[in-house]
């Protein structure tokens, strides 16, 4: 799946929005709004959930969206 420009997700690493599954959901929501099917998104989900660390997962997500960290 290719990156769609213009997707930005704002999250707080110490808050609810810092949960990796919250971020994945936000990414999925943005892609679904732009016509991406669940089937098309699944390889991205699989890559993220195969990561062994939070930072690695965020790096995969950054391939598909801009992430802004709130304090």
C-alpha atoms as a PDB file:
ATOM      1  CA  UNK A   1       0.000   0.000   0.000  1.00  0.00           C
ATOM      2  CA  UNK A   2       1.290   3.438  -0.852  1.00  0.00           C
ATOM      3  CA  UNK A   3       1.418   6.426   1.448  1.00  0.00           C
ATOM      4  CA  UNK A   4      -1.401   8.928   0.995  1.00  0.00           C
ATOM      5  CA  UNK A   5      -0.180  12.484   1.455  1.00  0.00           C
ATOM      6  CA  UNK A   6      -1.908  14.772   3.908  1.00  0.00           C
ATOM      7  CA  UNK A   7      -2.502  12.294   6.728  1.00  0.00           C
ATOM      8  CA  UNK A   8      -1.392  13.557  10.119  1.00  0.00           C
ATOM      9  CA  UNK A   9      -1.989  11.812  13.422  1.00  0.00           C
ATOM     10  CA  UNK A  10      -1.471  13.684  16.674  1.00  0.00           C
ATOM     11  CA  UNK A  11      -0.840  11.559  19.737  1.00  0.00           C
ATOM     12  CA  UNK A  12       0.376  11.857  23.312  1.00  0.00           C
ATOM     13  CA  UNK A  13       2.866   9.145  24.279  1.00  0.00           C
ATOM     14  CA  UNK A  14       1.771   9.353  27.916  1.00  0.00           C
ATOM     15  CA  UNK A  15      -1.963   9.545  27.237  1.00  0.00           C
ATOM     16  CA  UNK A  16      -4.652   7.320  25.771  1.00  0.00           C
ATOM     17  CA  UNK A  17      -3.745   8.429  22.262  1.00  0.00           C
ATOM     18  CA  UNK A  18      -0.236   7.067  22.801  1.00  0.00           C
ATOM     19  CA  UNK A  19      -1.478   3.489  22.856  1.00  0.00           C
ATOM     20  CA  UNK A  20      -0.190   1.836  19.690  1.00  0.00           C
ATOM     21  CA  UNK A  21      -3.615   0.382  18.909  1.00  0.00           C
ATOM     22  CA  UNK A  22      -5.178   3.860  19.226  1.00  0.00           C
ATOM     23  CA  UNK A  23      -2.638   5.119  16.675  1.00  0.00           C
ATOM     24  CA  UNK A  24      -3.273   2.145  14.365  1.00  0.00           C
ATOM     25  CA  UNK A  25      -7.013   2.826  14.575  1.00  0.00           C
ATOM     26  CA  UNK A  26      -6.465   6.498  13.733  1.00  0.00           C
ATOM     27  CA  UNK A  27      -4.330   5.499  10.740  1.00  0.00           C
ATOM     28  CA  UNK A  28      -6.914   2.974   9.562  1.00  0.00           C
ATOM     29  CA  UNK A  29      -9.695   5.547   9.940  1.00  0.00           C
ATOM     30  CA  UNK A  30      -7.810   8.072   7.783  1.00  0.00           C
ATOM     31  CA  UNK A  31      -7.071   5.519   5.077  1.00  0.00           C
ATOM     32  CA  UNK A  32     -10.634   4.160   5.087  1.00  0.00           C
ATOM     33  CA  UNK A  33     -11.951   7.720   4.601  1.00  0.00           C
ATOM     34  CA  UNK A  34      -9.788   7.877   1.497  1.00  0.00           C
ATOM     35  CA  UNK A  35     -11.170   4.656   0.034  1.00  0.00           C
ATOM     36  CA  UNK A  36      -8.630   2.084   1.218  1.00  0.00           C
ATOM     37  CA  UNK A  37     -10.205  -1.281   1.994  1.00  0.00           C
ATOM     38  CA  UNK A  38      -9.489  -3.360   5.086  1.00  0.00           C
ATOM     39  CA  UNK A  39      -7.877  -5.953   2.821  1.00  0.00           C
ATOM     40  CA  UNK A  40      -5.495  -3.337   1.424  1.00  0.00           C
ATOM     41  CA  UNK A  41      -4.679  -2.086   4.934  1.00  0.00           C
ATOM     42  CA  UNK A  42      -4.012  -5.547   6.425  1.00  0.00           C
ATOM     43  CA  UNK A  43      -0.344  -5.786   5.302  1.00  0.00           C
ATOM     44  CA  UNK A  44       0.328  -2.462   7.031  1.00  0.00           C
ATOM     45  CA  UNK A  45      -1.386  -3.701  10.195  1.00  0.00           C
ATOM     46  CA  UNK A  46       0.645  -6.909  10.049  1.00  0.00           C
ATOM     47  CA  UNK A  47       3.918  -4.982   9.691  1.00  0.00           C
ATOM     48  CA  UNK A  48       3.089  -2.732  12.638  1.00  0.00           C
ATOM     49  CA  UNK A  49       2.003  -5.533  14.945  1.00  0.00           C
ATOM     50  CA  UNK A  50       5.082  -7.620  14.054  1.00  0.00           C
ATOM     51  CA  UNK A  51       7.352  -4.931  15.496  1.00  0.00           C
ATOM     52  CA  UNK A  52       9.149  -5.753  18.714  1.00  0.00           C
ATOM     53  CA  UNK A  53       9.123  -2.237  20.134  1.00  0.00           C
ATOM     54  CA  UNK A  54       6.883   0.796  20.333  1.00  0.00           C
ATOM     55  CA  UNK A  55       9.462   2.914  18.480  1.00  0.00           C
ATOM     56  CA  UNK A  56       9.766   0.372  15.669  1.00  0.00           C
ATOM     57  CA  UNK A  57       5.976   0.359  15.306  1.00  0.00           C
ATOM     58  CA  UNK A  58       5.909   4.164  15.178  1.00  0.00           C
ATOM     59  CA  UNK A  59       8.589   4.108  12.488  1.00  0.00           C
ATOM     60  CA  UNK A  60       6.423   1.849  10.327  1.00  0.00           C
ATOM     61  CA  UNK A  61       3.428   4.135  10.902  1.00  0.00           C
ATOM     62  CA  UNK A  62       5.576   7.124   9.864  1.00  0.00           C
ATOM     63  CA  UNK A  63       5.913   5.474   6.452  1.00  0.00           C
ATOM     64  CA  UNK A  64       2.157   6.028   5.997  1.00  0.00           C
ATOM     65  CA  UNK A  65       1.392   9.198   7.967  1.00  0.00           C
ATOM     66  CA  UNK A  66       2.961  12.170   9.654  1.00  0.00           C
ATOM     67  CA  UNK A  67       2.990  11.739  13.426  1.00  0.00           C
ATOM     68  CA  UNK A  68       2.896  14.718  15.748  1.00  0.00           C
ATOM     69  CA  UNK A  69       3.755  14.068  19.371  1.00  0.00           C
ATOM     70  CA  UNK A  70       1.849  16.176  21.901  1.00  0.00           C
ATOM     71  CA  UNK A  71       3.230  16.789  25.349  1.00  0.00           C
END
